[in-house]
PDB file of N, CA and C in Angstrom:
ATOM      1  N   UNK A   1       0.808  -1.115   0.155  1.00  0.00           N
ATOM      2  CA  UNK A   1       0.146  -0.092  -0.225  1.00  0.00           C
ATOM      3  C   UNK A   1       0.861   1.237  -0.120  1.00  0.00           C
ATOM      4  N   UNK A   2       0.631   2.279  -0.758  1.00  0.00           N
ATOM      5  CA  UNK A   2       1.603   3.443  -0.796  1.00  0.00           C
ATOM      6  C   UNK A   2       1.230   4.177   0.312  1.00  0.00           C
ATOM      7  N   UNK A   3       2.501   4.865   0.805  1.00  0.00           N
ATOM      8  CA  UNK A   3       2.233   5.922   1.953  1.00  0.00           C
ATOM      9  C   UNK A   3       1.768   7.383   1.351  1.00  0.00           C
ATOM     10  N   UNK A   4       0.885   7.951   1.703  1.00  0.00           N
ATOM     11  CA  UNK A   4       0.595   9.296   1.510  1.00  0.00           C
ATOM     12  C   UNK A   4       0.990  10.309   2.364  1.00  0.00           C
ATOM     13  N   UNK A   5       0.855  11.553   1.996  1.00  0.00           N
ATOM     14  CA  UNK A   5       1.379  12.663   2.845  1.00  0.00           C
ATOM     15  C   UNK A   5       0.894  12.754   4.104  1.00  0.00           C
ATOM     16  N   UNK A   6      -0.622  12.335   4.244  1.00  0.00           N
ATOM     17  CA  UNK A   6      -1.321  12.355   5.477  1.00  0.00           C
ATOM     18  C   UNK A   6      -0.585  11.139   6.571  1.00  0.00           C
ATOM     19  N   UNK A   7      -0.311  10.149   6.063  1.00  0.00           N
ATOM     20  CA  UNK A   7       0.522   9.078   6.621  1.00  0.00           C
ATOM     21  C   UNK A   7       1.970   9.519   7.104  1.00  0.00           C
ATOM     22  N   UNK A   8       2.579  10.162   6.316  1.00  0.00           N
ATOM     23  CA  UNK A   8       3.893  10.927   6.689  1.00  0.00           C
ATOM     24  C   UNK A   8       3.659  11.881   7.853  1.00  0.00           C
ATOM     25  N   UNK A   9       2.825  12.701   7.768  1.00  0.00           N
ATOM     26  CA  UNK A   9       2.411  13.810   8.673  1.00  0.00           C
ATOM     27  C   UNK A   9       2.021  13.040  10.147  1.00  0.00           C
ATOM     28  N   UNK A  10       1.085  12.072   9.803  1.00  0.00           N
ATOM     29  CA  UNK A  10       0.717  11.485  11.208  1.00  0.00           C
ATOM     30  C   UNK A  10       2.126  10.867  11.800  1.00  0.00           C
ATOM     31  N   UNK A  11       2.948  10.103  11.311  1.00  0.00           N
ATOM     32  CA  UNK A  11       4.078   9.613  11.740  1.00  0.00           C
ATOM     33  C   UNK A  11       4.706  10.697  12.469  1.00  0.00           C
ATOM     34  N   UNK A  12       5.103  11.699  11.857  1.00  0.00           N
ATOM     35  CA  UNK A  12       6.009  12.827  12.213  1.00  0.00           C
ATOM     36  C   UNK A  12       5.511  13.471  13.428  1.00  0.00           C
ATOM     37  N   UNK A  13       4.104  13.642  13.761  1.00  0.00           N
ATOM     38  CA  UNK A  13       3.613  14.312  14.649  1.00  0.00           C
ATOM     39  C   UNK A  13       3.255  13.429  15.936  1.00  0.00           C
ATOM     40  N   UNK A  14       3.092  11.951  15.522  1.00  0.00           N
ATOM     41  CA  UNK A  14       2.694  11.202  16.820  1.00  0.00           C
ATOM     42  C   UNK A  14       3.841  10.342  17.129  1.00  0.00           C
ATOM     43  N   UNK A  15       4.840  10.109  16.466  1.00  0.00           N
ATOM     44  CA  UNK A  15       5.865   9.108  16.782  1.00  0.00           C
ATOM     45  C   UNK A  15       6.755   9.662  17.879  1.00  0.00           C
ATOM     46  N   UNK A  16       7.144   8.624  18.880  1.00  0.00           N
ATOM     47  CA  UNK A  16       7.889   9.110  19.961  1.00  0.00           C
ATOM     48  C   UNK A  16       9.541   9.213  19.221  1.00  0.00           C
ATOM     49  N   UNK A  17      10.206  10.359  19.837  1.00  0.00           N
ATOM     50  CA  UNK A  17      11.397  10.779  19.326  1.00  0.00           C
ATOM     51  C   UNK A  17      12.335  10.599  20.543  1.00  0.00           C
ATOM     52  N   UNK A  18      13.363   9.820  20.388  1.00  0.00           N
ATOM     53  CA  UNK A  18      14.604   9.864  21.350  1.00  0.00           C
ATOM     54  C   UNK A  18      15.066  11.257  21.603  1.00  0.00           C
ATOM     55  N   UNK A  19      15.488  11.735  22.723  1.00  0.00           N
ATOM     56  CA  UNK A  19      15.927  12.824  22.773  1.00  0.00           C
ATOM     57  C   UNK A  19      17.347  13.102  22.003  1.00  0.00           C
ATOM     58  N   UNK A  20      17.950  12.084  22.080  1.00  0.00           N
ATOM     59  CA  UNK A  20      19.198  12.307  21.203  1.00  0.00           C
ATOM     60  C   UNK A  20      19.089  12.580  19.817  1.00  0.00           C
ATOM     61  N   UNK A  21      18.170  11.618  19.364  1.00  0.00           N
ATOM     62  CA  UNK A  21      17.805  11.947  17.877  1.00  0.00           C
ATOM     63  C   UNK A  21      17.241  13.361  17.524  1.00  0.00           C
ATOM     64  N   UNK A  22      16.388  13.964  18.525  1.00  0.00           N
ATOM     65  CA  UNK A  22      15.854  15.376  18.479  1.00  0.00           C
ATOM     66  C   UNK A  22      17.045  16.405  18.579  1.00  0.00           C
ATOM     67  N   UNK A  23      17.845  16.080  19.335  1.00  0.00           N
ATOM     68  CA  UNK A  23      18.917  17.059  19.600  1.00  0.00           C
ATOM     69  C   UNK A  23      19.937  17.073  18.338  1.00  0.00           C
ATOM     70  N   UNK A  24      19.968  15.824  17.797  1.00  0.00           N
ATOM     71  CA  UNK A  24      20.768  15.645  16.406  1.00  0.00           C
ATOM     72  C   UNK A  24      20.187  16.145  15.274  1.00  0.00           C
ATOM     73  N   UNK A  25      18.891  16.313  15.043  1.00  0.00           N
ATOM     74  CA  UNK A  25      18.204  16.811  13.962  1.00  0.00           C
ATOM     75  C   UNK A  25      17.793  18.235  14.253  1.00  0.00           C
ATOM     76  N   UNK A  26      17.795  18.695  15.349  1.00  0.00           N
ATOM     77  CA  UNK A  26      17.183  20.027  15.584  1.00  0.00           C
ATOM     78  C   UNK A  26      17.842  21.044  14.643  1.00  0.00           C
ATOM     79  N   UNK A  27      19.385  21.010  14.712  1.00  0.00           N
ATOM     80  CA  UNK A  27      20.156  22.101  13.763  1.00  0.00           C
ATOM     81  C   UNK A  27      19.745  22.056  12.294  1.00  0.00           C
ATOM     82  N   UNK A  28      19.379  20.749  11.741  1.00  0.00           N
ATOM     83  CA  UNK A  28      19.056  20.643  10.578  1.00  0.00           C
ATOM     84  C   UNK A  28      17.821  21.317  10.109  1.00  0.00           C
ATOM     85  N   UNK A  29      16.657  21.015  10.971  1.00  0.00           N
ATOM     86  CA  UNK A  29      15.377  21.513  10.824  1.00  0.00           C
ATOM     87  C   UNK A  29      15.568  23.163  10.865  1.00  0.00           C
ATOM     88  N   UNK A  30      16.178  23.695  11.993  1.00  0.00           N
ATOM     89  CA  UNK A  30      16.422  24.961  12.137  1.00  0.00           C
ATOM     90  C   UNK A  30      17.031  25.680  10.902  1.00  0.00           C
ATOM     91  N   UNK A  31      18.029  25.155  10.210  1.00  0.00           N
ATOM     92  CA  UNK A  31      18.678  25.476   8.954  1.00  0.00           C
ATOM     93  C   UNK A  31      17.734  25.384   7.905  1.00  0.00           C
ATOM     94  N   UNK A  32      16.758  24.239   7.814  1.00  0.00           N
ATOM     95  CA  UNK A  32      15.863  24.671   6.910  1.00  0.00           C
ATOM     96  C   UNK A  32      14.759  25.719   6.826  1.00  0.00           C
ATOM     97  N   UNK A  33      14.444  25.763   8.010  1.00  0.00           N
ATOM     98  CA  UNK A  33      13.384  27.076   8.300  1.00  0.00           C
ATOM     99  C   UNK A  33      14.104  28.427   7.979  1.00  0.00           C
ATOM    100  N   UNK A  34      15.456  28.339   8.333  1.00  0.00           N
ATOM    101  CA  UNK A  34      15.980  29.679   8.132  1.00  0.00           C
ATOM    102  C   UNK A  34      16.145  29.860   6.547  1.00  0.00           C
ATOM    103  N   UNK A  35      16.681  28.913   5.747  1.00  0.00           N
ATOM    104  CA  UNK A  35      16.888  29.048   4.539  1.00  0.00           C
ATOM    105  C   UNK A  35      15.401  29.456   3.799  1.00  0.00           C
ATOM    106  N   UNK A  36      14.535  28.594   4.204  1.00  0.00           N
ATOM    107  CA  UNK A  36      13.112  28.784   3.730  1.00  0.00           C
ATOM    108  C   UNK A  36      12.906  30.325   3.881  1.00  0.00           C
ATOM    109  N   UNK A  37      12.893  30.840   5.008  1.00  0.00           N
ATOM    110  CA  UNK A  37      12.697  32.388   5.236  1.00  0.00           C
ATOM    111  C   UNK A  37      13.351  33.183   4.189  1.00  0.00           C
ATOM    112  N   UNK A  38      14.693  33.043   4.278  1.00  0.00           N
ATOM    113  CA  UNK A  38      15.436  33.755   3.320  1.00  0.00           C
ATOM    114  C   UNK A  38      15.268  33.712   1.939  1.00  0.00           C
ATOM    115  N   UNK A  39      14.879  32.325   1.601  1.00  0.00           N
ATOM    116  CA  UNK A  39      14.442  32.238   0.051  1.00  0.00           C
ATOM    117  C   UNK A  39      13.251  32.624  -0.210  1.00  0.00           C
ATOM    118  N   UNK A  40      12.170  32.985   0.665  1.00  0.00           N
ATOM    119  CA  UNK A  40      10.947  33.438   0.252  1.00  0.00           C
ATOM    120  C   UNK A  40      10.779  34.629  -0.255  1.00  0.00           C
ATOM    121  N   UNK A  41      11.871  35.613  -0.463  1.00  0.00           N
ATOM    122  CA  UNK A  41      11.634  36.899  -0.972  1.00  0.00           C
ATOM    123  C   UNK A  41      12.403  36.664  -2.529  1.00  0.00           C
ATOM    124  N   UNK A  42      12.685  35.382  -2.916  1.00  0.00           N
ATOM    125  CA  UNK A  42      13.367  35.174  -4.191  1.00  0.00           C
ATOM    126  C   UNK A  42      12.422  35.250  -5.445  1.00  0.00           C
ATOM    127  N   UNK A  43      12.770  35.580  -6.670  1.00  0.00           N
ATOM    128  CA  UNK A  43      11.783  35.894  -7.648  1.00  0.00           C
ATOM    129  C   UNK A  43      11.316  34.634  -8.068  1.00  0.00           C
ATOM    130  N   UNK A  44      12.126  33.303  -7.983  1.00  0.00           N
ATOM    131  CA  UNK A  44      11.617  32.142  -8.366  1.00  0.00           C
ATOM    132  C   UNK A  44      10.372  31.794  -7.483  1.00  0.00           C
ATOM    133  N   UNK A  45      10.297  32.199  -6.280  1.00  0.00           N
ATOM    134  CA  UNK A  45       9.206  31.880  -5.300  1.00  0.00           C
ATOM    135  C   UNK A  45       8.103  32.563  -5.746  1.00  0.00           C
ATOM    136  N   UNK A  46       8.362  34.090  -6.004  1.00  0.00           N
ATOM    137  CA  UNK A  46       7.020  34.792  -6.547  1.00  0.00           C
ATOM    138  C   UNK A  46       6.450  34.225  -7.905  1.00  0.00           C
ATOM    139  N   UNK A  47       7.279  33.805  -8.564  1.00  0.00           N
ATOM    140  CA  UNK A  47       6.833  33.080  -9.998  1.00  0.00           C
ATOM    141  C   UNK A  47       5.936  31.731  -9.684  1.00  0.00           C
ATOM    142  N   UNK A  48       6.463  31.102  -8.675  1.00  0.00           N
ATOM    143  CA  UNK A  48       5.548  29.897  -8.270  1.00  0.00           C
ATOM    144  C   UNK A  48       4.356  30.344  -7.675  1.00  0.00           C
ATOM    145  N   UNK A  49       4.470  31.279  -6.832  1.00  0.00           N
ATOM    146  CA  UNK A  49       3.287  31.946  -5.984  1.00  0.00           C
ATOM    147  C   UNK A  49       2.165  32.506  -7.136  1.00  0.00           C
ATOM    148  N   UNK A  50       2.792  33.063  -8.288  1.00  0.00           N
ATOM    149  CA  UNK A  50       1.736  33.456  -9.234  1.00  0.00           C
ATOM    150  C   UNK A  50       0.808  32.470  -9.922  1.00  0.00           C
ATOM    151  N   UNK A  51       1.399  31.351  -9.871  1.00  0.00           N
ATOM    152  CA  UNK A  51       0.555  30.323 -10.934  1.00  0.00           C
ATOM    153  C   UNK A  51      -0.118  29.418  -9.692  1.00  0.00           C
ATOM    154  N   UNK A  52      -0.198  29.582  -8.670  1.00  0.00           N
ATOM    155  CA  UNK A  52      -1.088  28.852  -7.510  1.00  0.00           C
ATOM    156  C   UNK A  52      -2.135  29.575  -7.432  1.00  0.00           C
ATOM    157  N   UNK A  53      -3.397  28.694  -7.320  1.00  0.00           N
ATOM    158  CA  UNK A  53      -4.579  29.486  -7.164  1.00  0.00           C
ATOM    159  C   UNK A  53      -5.015  29.411  -5.651  1.00  0.00           C
ATOM    160  N   UNK A  54      -5.237  30.802  -5.117  1.00  0.00           N
ATOM    161  CA  UNK A  54      -5.736  30.729  -3.630  1.00  0.00           C
ATOM    162  C   UNK A  54      -6.907  29.890  -3.519  1.00  0.00           C
ATOM    163  N   UNK A  55      -7.139  29.411  -2.267  1.00  0.00           N
ATOM    164  CA  UNK A  55      -8.572  28.644  -2.035  1.00  0.00           C
ATOM    165  C   UNK A  55      -9.050  29.094  -0.726  1.00  0.00           C
ATOM    166  N   UNK A  56     -10.145  28.742  -0.431  1.00  0.00           N
ATOM    167  CA  UNK A  56     -10.866  29.167   0.755  1.00  0.00           C
ATOM    168  C   UNK A  56     -11.297  27.998   1.881  1.00  0.00           C
ATOM    169  N   UNK A  57     -10.801  26.694   1.282  1.00  0.00           N
ATOM    170  CA  UNK A  57     -11.455  25.524   2.057  1.00  0.00           C
ATOM    171  C   UNK A  57     -10.791  25.714   3.398  1.00  0.00           C
ATOM    172  N   UNK A  58     -11.414  24.961   4.149  1.00  0.00           N
ATOM    173  CA  UNK A  58     -10.952  24.945   5.747  1.00  0.00           C
ATOM    174  C   UNK A  58      -9.635  24.284   6.103  1.00  0.00           C
ATOM    175  N   UNK A  59      -9.207  23.365   5.207  1.00  0.00           N
ATOM    176  CA  UNK A  59      -7.885  22.706   5.262  1.00  0.00           C
ATOM    177  C   UNK A  59      -6.721  23.450   4.647  1.00  0.00           C
ATOM    178  N   UNK A  60      -6.973  24.839   4.033  1.00  0.00           N
ATOM    179  CA  UNK A  60      -5.916  25.735   3.383  1.00  0.00           C
ATOM    180  C   UNK A  60      -5.012  26.115   4.665  1.00  0.00           C
ATOM    181  N   UNK A  61      -3.772  26.358   4.107  1.00  0.00           N
ATOM    182  CA  UNK A  61      -2.903  27.085   4.809  1.00  0.00           C
ATOM    183  C   UNK A  61      -2.439  28.267   4.363  1.00  0.00           C
ATOM    184  N   UNK A  62      -1.834  29.051   5.071  1.00  0.00           N
ATOM    185  CA  UNK A  62      -1.467  30.607   4.513  1.00  0.00           C
ATOM    186  C   UNK A  62       0.068  30.417   3.712  1.00  0.00           C
ATOM    187  N   UNK A  63       0.153  31.283   2.882  1.00  0.00           N
ATOM    188  CA  UNK A  63       1.104  31.304   1.849  1.00  0.00           C
ATOM    189  C   UNK A  63       1.997  32.458   2.729  1.00  0.00           C
ATOM    190  N   UNK A  64       2.914  33.016   2.116  1.00  0.00           N
ATOM    191  CA  UNK A  64       4.073  33.753   2.788  1.00  0.00           C
ATOM    192  C   UNK A  64       3.025  35.152   2.944  1.00  0.00           C
ATOM    193  N   UNK A  65       2.213  35.329   2.278  1.00  0.00           N
ATOM    194  CA  UNK A  65       1.340  36.419   2.564  1.00  0.00           C
ATOM    195  C   UNK A  65      -0.001  35.961   3.194  1.00  0.00           C
ATOM    196  N   UNK A  66      -0.167  36.206   4.571  1.00  0.00           N
ATOM    197  CA  UNK A  66      -1.164  35.462   5.397  1.00  0.00           C
ATOM    198  C   UNK A  66      -2.592  35.556   4.796  1.00  0.00           C
ATOM    199  N   UNK A  67      -2.800  36.741   3.947  1.00  0.00           N
ATOM    200  CA  UNK A  67      -4.120  36.906   3.342  1.00  0.00           C
ATOM    201  C   UNK A  67      -4.235  35.749   2.274  1.00  0.00           C
ATOM    202  N   UNK A  68      -3.398  35.287   1.894  1.00  0.00           N
ATOM    203  CA  UNK A  68      -3.505  34.064   0.859  1.00  0.00           C
ATOM    204  C   UNK A  68      -3.465  32.789   1.329  1.00  0.00           C
ATOM    205  N   UNK A  69      -4.591  31.954   1.078  1.00  0.00           N
ATOM    206  CA  UNK A  69      -4.380  30.705   1.668  1.00  0.00           C
ATOM    207  C   UNK A  69      -4.411  29.665   0.416  1.00  0.00           C
ATOM    208  N   UNK A  70      -3.506  28.408   0.603  1.00  0.00           N
ATOM    209  CA  UNK A  70      -3.512  27.527  -0.404  1.00  0.00           C
ATOM    210  C   UNK A  70      -3.629  26.190   0.140  1.00  0.00           C
ATOM    211  N   UNK A  71      -3.928  25.185  -0.836  1.00  0.00           N
ATOM    212  CA  UNK A  71      -4.075  23.755  -0.580  1.00  0.00           C
ATOM    213  C   UNK A  71      -2.803  23.432   0.187  1.00  0.00           C
ATOM    214  N   UNK A  72      -2.814  22.423   0.867  1.00  0.00           N
ATOM    215  CA  UNK A  72      -1.495  22.003   1.490  1.00  0.00           C
ATOM    216  C   UNK A  72      -0.437  21.401   0.496  1.00  0.00           C
ATOM    217  N   UNK A  73      -0.935  20.835  -0.597  1.00  0.00           N
ATOM    218  CA  UNK A  73      -0.063  20.466  -1.559  1.00  0.00           C
ATOM    219  C   UNK A  73       0.796  21.682  -2.357  1.00  0.00           C
ATOM    220  N   UNK A  74       0.036  22.723  -2.677  1.00  0.00           N
ATOM    221  CA  UNK A  74       0.319  24.064  -3.192  1.00  0.00           C
ATOM    222  C   UNK A  74       1.222  24.639  -2.176  1.00  0.00           C
ATOM    223  N   UNK A  75       0.917  24.864  -0.941  1.00  0.00           N
ATOM    224  CA  UNK A  75       1.861  25.319   0.067  1.00  0.00           C
ATOM    225  C   UNK A  75       3.328  24.584   0.100  1.00  0.00           C
ATOM    226  N   UNK A  76       3.078  23.404   0.073  1.00  0.00           N
ATOM    227  CA  UNK A  76       4.315  22.562   0.123  1.00  0.00           C
ATOM    228  C   UNK A  76       5.370  22.819  -0.959  1.00  0.00           C
ATOM    229  N   UNK A  77       4.603  23.053  -2.207  1.00  0.00           N
ATOM    230  CA  UNK A  77       5.356  23.371  -3.368  1.00  0.00           C
ATOM    231  C   UNK A  77       6.074  24.861  -3.197  1.00  0.00           C
ATOM    232  N   UNK A  78       5.244  25.707  -2.689  1.00  0.00           N
ATOM    233  CA  UNK A  78       5.976  26.936  -2.448  1.00  0.00           C
ATOM    234  C   UNK A  78       6.865  27.040  -1.451  1.00  0.00           C
ATOM    235  N   UNK A  79       6.657  26.330  -0.330  1.00  0.00           N
ATOM    236  CA  UNK A  79       7.562  26.487   0.654  1.00  0.00           C
ATOM    237  C   UNK A  79       8.903  25.792   0.372  1.00  0.00           C
ATOM    238  N   UNK A  80       8.809  24.548  -0.357  1.00  0.00           N
ATOM    239  CA  UNK A  80       9.907  23.963  -0.813  1.00  0.00           C
ATOM    240  C   UNK A  80      10.663  24.608  -1.842  1.00  0.00           C
ATOM    241  N   UNK A  81      10.139  25.307  -2.601  1.00  0.00           N
ATOM    242  CA  UNK A  81      10.938  26.227  -3.788  1.00  0.00           C
ATOM    243  C   UNK A  81      11.582  27.033  -2.926  1.00  0.00           C
ATOM    244  N   UNK A  82      11.087  27.986  -1.932  1.00  0.00           N
ATOM    245  CA  UNK A  82      11.679  28.639  -0.977  1.00  0.00           C
ATOM    246  C   UNK A  82      12.771  28.291  -0.235  1.00  0.00           C
ATOM    247  N   UNK A  83      12.615  26.989   0.269  1.00  0.00           N
ATOM    248  CA  UNK A  83      13.910  26.476   0.838  1.00  0.00           C
ATOM    249  C   UNK A  83      14.936  25.962   0.183  1.00  0.00           C
ATOM    250  N   UNK A  84      14.738  25.952  -1.176  1.00  0.00           N
ATOM    251  CA  UNK A  84      15.684  25.533  -2.254  1.00  0.00           C
ATOM    252  C   UNK A  84      16.311  26.485  -2.880  1.00  0.00           C
ATOM    253  N   UNK A  85      15.492  27.816  -2.883  1.00  0.00           N
ATOM    254  CA  UNK A  85      15.953  28.781  -3.818  1.00  0.00           C
ATOM    255  C   UNK A  85      17.352  29.485  -3.770  1.00  0.00           C
ATOM    256  N   UNK A  86      17.868  29.413  -2.624  1.00  0.00           N
ATOM    257  CA  UNK A  86      19.135  29.783  -2.670  1.00  0.00           C
ATOM    258  C   UNK A  86      20.323  28.771  -2.683  1.00  0.00           C
ATOM    259  N   UNK A  87      19.828  27.467  -3.036  1.00  0.00           N
ATOM    260  CA  UNK A  87      20.878  26.399  -3.285  1.00  0.00           C
ATOM    261  C   UNK A  87      21.352  26.717  -4.672  1.00  0.00           C
ATOM    262  N   UNK A  88      20.737  27.317  -5.449  1.00  0.00           N
ATOM    263  CA  UNK A  88      21.334  27.557  -6.794  1.00  0.00           C
ATOM    264  C   UNK A  88      21.895  29.121  -7.248  1.00  0.00           C
TER     265      UNK A  88
END
């Protein structure tokens, strides 16, 4: 059976994590959040944002502009683009 994003999210939010694992991974997670924020102002992110359609459904999440809400899949694309924009 294929694993979907809901399955991954449930595992990430509900699995018990050893304190050593948490300590070892925290710097990588913080680094990802930092480069995501830094990359959020790059032109490539604005371009991706322009082709995504805002939605009003209850499961939508904010884009970088909190007035704009996106489907979770679209937000993941936008955030992923921002997190990698400065890699290139």
